[in-house]
């Protein structure tokens, strides 16, 4: 009896966790994504920019189109809106450090930030009484930011307004390295 090793390899790939591209959640666009605070326990982690390969393929045309429109419409100095992301992420981290020291109640949260195409998306949990409006207004002041999206809740027990990240065999470790340490103590 002859064993075809190629067939065995294919069979092994089918049964091995993490071998399925559909389940492999990754930050395929390398969008800045980081946790900024962790004061609220049991706040579900957002999926952030992590998508599987099929979602990435569906979104890729839209990302290209949106990235270029900014420049074509004369609203951006750089030819692609995504080219701003790292600079905006750095400025956002500095702004969050300033807010942590200067905004009363600003530390009472567990938040994650995603930056993409000149947008800042804030996801996570805040304590009742957290100064949401001044916090978001301060993030709108970050240079080159076009939009700030608030997806926070003071009542995570009722559900969260974002897609949650579910750690599975294929996603463990694949994106945890992309989550940067806390900017707000």
C-alpha atoms as a PDB file:
ATOM      1  CA  UNK A   1       0.000   0.000   0.000  1.00  0.00           C
ATOM      2  CA  UNK A   2       1.409   3.349  -1.065  1.00  0.00           C
ATOM      3  CA  UNK A   3       0.675   6.480   0.954  1.00  0.00           C
ATOM      4  CA  UNK A   4       0.277   9.673  -1.016  1.00  0.00           C
ATOM      5  CA  UNK A   5       1.777  12.263   1.310  1.00  0.00           C
ATOM      6  CA  UNK A   6       0.092  15.112  -0.546  1.00  0.00           C
ATOM      7  CA  UNK A   7      -3.331  13.618   0.246  1.00  0.00           C
ATOM      8  CA  UNK A   8      -2.355  13.154   3.884  1.00  0.00           C
ATOM      9  CA  UNK A   9      -1.152  16.764   4.075  1.00  0.00           C
ATOM     10  CA  UNK A  10      -4.436  18.021   2.599  1.00  0.00           C
ATOM     11  CA  UNK A  11      -6.434  15.885   5.042  1.00  0.00           C
ATOM     12  CA  UNK A  12      -4.338  17.139   7.941  1.00  0.00           C
ATOM     13  CA  UNK A  13      -4.910  20.763   6.898  1.00  0.00           C
ATOM     14  CA  UNK A  14      -8.667  20.163   6.844  1.00  0.00           C
ATOM     15  CA  UNK A  15      -8.785  18.915  10.433  1.00  0.00           C
ATOM     16  CA  UNK A  16      -6.143  21.209  11.963  1.00  0.00           C
ATOM     17  CA  UNK A  17      -7.577  24.162  13.903  1.00  0.00           C
ATOM     18  CA  UNK A  18      -6.407  27.452  12.465  1.00  0.00           C
ATOM     19  CA  UNK A  19      -5.808  26.041   9.012  1.00  0.00           C
ATOM     20  CA  UNK A  20      -9.046  27.500   7.663  1.00  0.00           C
ATOM     21  CA  UNK A  21      -8.581  30.946   6.133  1.00  0.00           C
ATOM     22  CA  UNK A  22     -12.250  31.726   6.890  1.00  0.00           C
ATOM     23  CA  UNK A  23     -11.598  31.511  10.644  1.00  0.00           C
ATOM     24  CA  UNK A  24      -8.210  33.229  10.640  1.00  0.00           C
ATOM     25  CA  UNK A  25      -8.966  36.703  11.982  1.00  0.00           C
ATOM     26  CA  UNK A  26      -6.170  39.143  11.239  1.00  0.00           C
ATOM     27  CA  UNK A  27      -5.622  42.872  10.957  1.00  0.00           C
ATOM     28  CA  UNK A  28      -5.030  42.495   7.229  1.00  0.00           C
ATOM     29  CA  UNK A  29      -5.014  46.242   6.548  1.00  0.00           C
ATOM     30  CA  UNK A  30      -2.528  46.878   9.374  1.00  0.00           C
ATOM     31  CA  UNK A  31      -4.868  49.517  10.812  1.00  0.00           C
ATOM     32  CA  UNK A  32      -3.599  50.873  14.148  1.00  0.00           C
ATOM     33  CA  UNK A  33      -5.533  49.091  16.916  1.00  0.00           C
ATOM     34  CA  UNK A  34      -4.652  49.398  20.592  1.00  0.00           C
ATOM     35  CA  UNK A  35      -6.118  49.243  24.080  1.00  0.00           C
ATOM     36  CA  UNK A  36      -5.933  52.532  25.992  1.00  0.00           C
ATOM     37  CA  UNK A  37      -7.471  51.714  29.378  1.00  0.00           C
ATOM     38  CA  UNK A  38      -8.631  48.770  31.472  1.00  0.00           C
ATOM     39  CA  UNK A  39     -10.469  50.051  34.576  1.00  0.00           C
ATOM     40  CA  UNK A  40     -13.854  48.422  33.840  1.00  0.00           C
ATOM     41  CA  UNK A  41     -13.661  44.650  34.465  1.00  0.00           C
ATOM     42  CA  UNK A  42     -15.281  42.146  32.109  1.00  0.00           C
ATOM     43  CA  UNK A  43     -15.616  44.567  29.218  1.00  0.00           C
ATOM     44  CA  UNK A  44     -15.762  42.476  26.019  1.00  0.00           C
ATOM     45  CA  UNK A  45     -12.837  43.020  23.675  1.00  0.00           C
ATOM     46  CA  UNK A  46     -13.896  44.331  20.251  1.00  0.00           C
ATOM     47  CA  UNK A  47     -12.971  42.546  17.052  1.00  0.00           C
ATOM     48  CA  UNK A  48     -11.514  45.855  15.898  1.00  0.00           C
ATOM     49  CA  UNK A  49      -9.986  45.653  12.432  1.00  0.00           C
ATOM     50  CA  UNK A  50      -9.556  41.854  12.555  1.00  0.00           C
ATOM     51  CA  UNK A  51     -11.303  40.157   9.639  1.00  0.00           C
ATOM     52  CA  UNK A  52     -11.114  36.819   7.904  1.00  0.00           C
ATOM     53  CA  UNK A  53      -9.844  36.463   4.350  1.00  0.00           C
ATOM     54  CA  UNK A  54     -13.305  36.505   2.742  1.00  0.00           C
ATOM     55  CA  UNK A  55     -14.249  39.743   4.524  1.00  0.00           C
ATOM     56  CA  UNK A  56     -10.920  41.268   3.542  1.00  0.00           C
ATOM     57  CA  UNK A  57     -11.515  40.457  -0.117  1.00  0.00           C
ATOM     58  CA  UNK A  58     -15.022  41.972   0.067  1.00  0.00           C
ATOM     59  CA  UNK A  59     -13.719  45.156   1.715  1.00  0.00           C
ATOM     60  CA  UNK A  60     -10.578  45.661  -0.369  1.00  0.00           C
ATOM     61  CA  UNK A  61     -12.252  47.504  -3.267  1.00  0.00           C
ATOM     62  CA  UNK A  62     -14.070  49.839  -0.867  1.00  0.00           C
ATOM     63  CA  UNK A  63     -10.823  50.521   1.032  1.00  0.00           C
ATOM     64  CA  UNK A  64      -9.025  51.466  -2.179  1.00  0.00           C
ATOM     65  CA  UNK A  65     -11.876  53.630  -3.390  1.00  0.00           C
ATOM     66  CA  UNK A  66     -12.378  55.432  -0.082  1.00  0.00           C
ATOM     67  CA  UNK A  67      -8.656  55.876   0.459  1.00  0.00           C
ATOM     68  CA  UNK A  68      -8.238  57.679  -2.870  1.00  0.00           C
ATOM     69  CA  UNK A  69     -11.428  59.788  -2.822  1.00  0.00           C
ATOM     70  CA  UNK A  70     -10.089  61.982  -0.057  1.00  0.00           C
ATOM     71  CA  UNK A  71      -7.213  63.147  -2.265  1.00  0.00           C
ATOM     72  CA  UNK A  72      -9.213  63.335  -5.499  1.00  0.00           C
ATOM     73  CA  UNK A  73     -11.797  65.544  -3.783  1.00  0.00           C
ATOM     74  CA  UNK A  74      -9.063  67.869  -2.523  1.00  0.00           C
ATOM     75  CA  UNK A  75      -9.721  67.117   1.163  1.00  0.00           C
ATOM     76  CA  UNK A  76      -6.362  65.434   1.852  1.00  0.00           C
ATOM     77  CA  UNK A  77      -2.775  66.511   1.341  1.00  0.00           C
ATOM     78  CA  UNK A  78      -1.666  62.854   0.923  1.00  0.00           C
ATOM     79  CA  UNK A  79      -2.867  60.671  -1.981  1.00  0.00           C
ATOM     80  CA  UNK A  80      -4.476  58.065   0.289  1.00  0.00           C
ATOM     81  CA  UNK A  81      -6.521  58.511   3.475  1.00  0.00           C
ATOM     82  CA  UNK A  82      -4.896  55.421   5.019  1.00  0.00           C
ATOM     83  CA  UNK A  83      -1.465  57.068   4.762  1.00  0.00           C
ATOM     84  CA  UNK A  84      -2.429  59.230   7.764  1.00  0.00           C
ATOM     85  CA  UNK A  85      -3.228  56.354  10.104  1.00  0.00           C
ATOM     86  CA  UNK A  86       0.088  55.845  11.919  1.00  0.00           C
ATOM     87  CA  UNK A  87       0.568  59.572  12.456  1.00  0.00           C
ATOM     88  CA  UNK A  88      -3.013  59.924  13.740  1.00  0.00           C
ATOM     89  CA  UNK A  89      -2.505  56.919  16.034  1.00  0.00           C
ATOM     90  CA  UNK A  90       0.634  58.516  17.527  1.00  0.00           C
ATOM     91  CA  UNK A  91      -1.159  61.839  18.039  1.00  0.00           C
ATOM     92  CA  UNK A  92      -4.146  60.011  19.528  1.00  0.00           C
ATOM     93  CA  UNK A  93      -1.917  58.264  22.065  1.00  0.00           C
ATOM     94  CA  UNK A  94      -0.468  61.631  23.131  1.00  0.00           C
ATOM     95  CA  UNK A  95      -3.950  63.165  23.305  1.00  0.00           C
ATOM     96  CA  UNK A  96      -5.172  60.269  25.452  1.00  0.00           C
ATOM     97  CA  UNK A  97      -2.248  60.713  27.839  1.00  0.00           C
ATOM     98  CA  UNK A  98      -3.139  64.380  28.181  1.00  0.00           C
ATOM     99  CA  UNK A  99      -6.834  63.507  28.718  1.00  0.00           C
ATOM    100  CA  UNK A 100      -5.898  60.948  31.370  1.00  0.00           C
ATOM    101  CA  UNK A 101      -4.197  63.661  33.396  1.00  0.00           C
ATOM    102  CA  UNK A 102      -6.628  66.522  32.697  1.00  0.00           C
ATOM    103  CA  UNK A 103     -10.153  65.150  32.226  1.00  0.00           C
ATOM    104  CA  UNK A 104     -11.889  64.338  35.524  1.00  0.00           C
ATOM    105  CA  UNK A 105     -13.262  60.807  35.426  1.00  0.00           C
ATOM    106  CA  UNK A 106     -11.425  60.083  32.169  1.00  0.00           C
ATOM    107  CA  UNK A 107      -9.647  57.052  33.581  1.00  0.00           C
ATOM    108  CA  UNK A 108     -12.834  55.161  34.427  1.00  0.00           C
ATOM    109  CA  UNK A 109     -13.014  53.091  31.255  1.00  0.00           C
ATOM    110  CA  UNK A 110     -11.849  50.059  29.327  1.00  0.00           C
ATOM    111  CA  UNK A 111     -11.351  51.276  25.777  1.00  0.00           C
ATOM    112  CA  UNK A 112      -9.805  50.241  22.484  1.00  0.00           C
ATOM    113  CA  UNK A 113      -8.961  52.522  19.572  1.00  0.00           C
ATOM    114  CA  UNK A 114      -8.939  51.705  15.870  1.00  0.00           C
ATOM    115  CA  UNK A 115      -7.596  54.254  13.395  1.00  0.00           C
ATOM    116  CA  UNK A 116      -8.357  53.895   9.702  1.00  0.00           C
ATOM    117  CA  UNK A 117      -8.822  56.296   6.772  1.00  0.00           C
ATOM    118  CA  UNK A 118      -8.569  59.362   9.056  1.00  0.00           C
ATOM    119  CA  UNK A 119     -11.297  58.005  11.355  1.00  0.00           C
ATOM    120  CA  UNK A 120     -10.907  57.156  15.041  1.00  0.00           C
ATOM    121  CA  UNK A 121     -13.207  54.460  16.388  1.00  0.00           C
ATOM    122  CA  UNK A 122     -13.527  54.181  20.180  1.00  0.00           C
ATOM    123  CA  UNK A 123     -14.954  50.896  21.461  1.00  0.00           C
ATOM    124  CA  UNK A 124     -15.425  49.587  24.961  1.00  0.00           C
ATOM    125  CA  UNK A 125     -16.954  50.327  28.340  1.00  0.00           C
ATOM    126  CA  UNK A 126     -17.151  53.467  30.427  1.00  0.00           C
ATOM    127  CA  UNK A 127     -18.306  54.023  33.992  1.00  0.00           C
ATOM    128  CA  UNK A 128     -21.641  55.762  34.533  1.00  0.00           C
ATOM    129  CA  UNK A 129     -20.834  59.472  34.611  1.00  0.00           C
ATOM    130  CA  UNK A 130     -17.815  59.101  32.307  1.00  0.00           C
ATOM    131  CA  UNK A 131     -17.391  62.418  30.418  1.00  0.00           C
ATOM    132  CA  UNK A 132     -18.167  60.934  26.989  1.00  0.00           C
ATOM    133  CA  UNK A 133     -18.964  64.205  25.158  1.00  0.00           C
ATOM    134  CA  UNK A 134     -15.794  66.088  26.219  1.00  0.00           C
ATOM    135  CA  UNK A 135     -13.715  62.940  25.663  1.00  0.00           C
ATOM    136  CA  UNK A 136     -14.942  62.492  22.075  1.00  0.00           C
ATOM    137  CA  UNK A 137     -14.696  66.233  21.382  1.00  0.00           C
ATOM    138  CA  UNK A 138     -11.061  66.168  22.493  1.00  0.00           C
ATOM    139  CA  UNK A 139     -10.319  63.297  20.087  1.00  0.00           C
ATOM    140  CA  UNK A 140     -11.898  65.271  17.234  1.00  0.00           C
ATOM    141  CA  UNK A 141      -9.150  67.848  17.806  1.00  0.00           C
ATOM    142  CA  UNK A 142      -6.410  65.371  16.820  1.00  0.00           C
ATOM    143  CA  UNK A 143      -4.832  66.702  13.590  1.00  0.00           C
ATOM    144  CA  UNK A 144      -6.078  65.216  10.294  1.00  0.00           C
ATOM    145  CA  UNK A 145      -8.977  63.334  11.941  1.00  0.00           C
ATOM    146  CA  UNK A 146     -12.079  63.427   9.781  1.00  0.00           C
ATOM    147  CA  UNK A 147     -14.481  61.526  12.068  1.00  0.00           C
ATOM    148  CA  UNK A 148     -14.662  60.057  15.584  1.00  0.00           C
ATOM    149  CA  UNK A 149     -16.989  57.088  16.073  1.00  0.00           C
ATOM    150  CA  UNK A 150     -18.258  56.431  19.605  1.00  0.00           C
ATOM    151  CA  UNK A 151     -19.084  52.766  20.240  1.00  0.00           C
ATOM    152  CA  UNK A 152     -18.955  52.807  24.020  1.00  0.00           C
ATOM    153  CA  UNK A 153     -21.435  51.721  26.666  1.00  0.00           C
ATOM    154  CA  UNK A 154     -21.881  52.357  30.364  1.00  0.00           C
ATOM    155  CA  UNK A 155     -23.904  49.135  30.643  1.00  0.00           C
ATOM    156  CA  UNK A 156     -21.998  46.204  29.074  1.00  0.00           C
ATOM    157  CA  UNK A 157     -24.343  43.782  30.838  1.00  0.00           C
ATOM    158  CA  UNK A 158     -27.012  44.898  28.331  1.00  0.00           C
ATOM    159  CA  UNK A 159     -24.715  44.250  25.380  1.00  0.00           C
ATOM    160  CA  UNK A 160     -22.090  46.243  23.547  1.00  0.00           C
ATOM    161  CA  UNK A 161     -22.489  48.298  20.350  1.00  0.00           C
ATOM    162  CA  UNK A 162     -19.681  46.525  18.498  1.00  0.00           C
ATOM    163  CA  UNK A 163     -18.654  43.116  17.235  1.00  0.00           C
ATOM    164  CA  UNK A 164     -16.822  41.213  19.939  1.00  0.00           C
ATOM    165  CA  UNK A 165     -13.535  39.414  19.480  1.00  0.00           C
ATOM    166  CA  UNK A 166     -13.950  35.717  20.243  1.00  0.00           C
ATOM    167  CA  UNK A 167     -10.699  34.010  21.029  1.00  0.00           C
ATOM    168  CA  UNK A 168     -10.630  30.692  19.276  1.00  0.00           C
ATOM    169  CA  UNK A 169      -7.914  28.235  18.363  1.00  0.00           C
ATOM    170  CA  UNK A 170      -7.192  30.038  15.099  1.00  0.00           C
ATOM    171  CA  UNK A 171      -7.272  33.591  16.443  1.00  0.00           C
ATOM    172  CA  UNK A 172      -5.304  33.178  19.660  1.00  0.00           C
ATOM    173  CA  UNK A 173      -2.064  35.043  19.354  1.00  0.00           C
ATOM    174  CA  UNK A 174      -2.668  36.113  15.759  1.00  0.00           C
ATOM    175  CA  UNK A 175      -3.807  39.588  16.779  1.00  0.00           C
ATOM    176  CA  UNK A 176      -2.953  39.847  20.444  1.00  0.00           C
ATOM    177  CA  UNK A 177       0.472  41.058  19.417  1.00  0.00           C
ATOM    178  CA  UNK A 178      -1.230  43.927  17.567  1.00  0.00           C
ATOM    179  CA  UNK A 179      -2.902  45.202  20.722  1.00  0.00           C
ATOM    180  CA  UNK A 180      -0.549  47.778  22.194  1.00  0.00           C
ATOM    181  CA  UNK A 181      -0.302  48.399  25.916  1.00  0.00           C
ATOM    182  CA  UNK A 182      -2.306  50.951  27.834  1.00  0.00           C
ATOM    183  CA  UNK A 183      -1.938  54.659  27.192  1.00  0.00           C
ATOM    184  CA  UNK A 184      -4.284  55.605  30.019  1.00  0.00           C
ATOM    185  CA  UNK A 185      -3.268  54.216  33.429  1.00  0.00           C
END
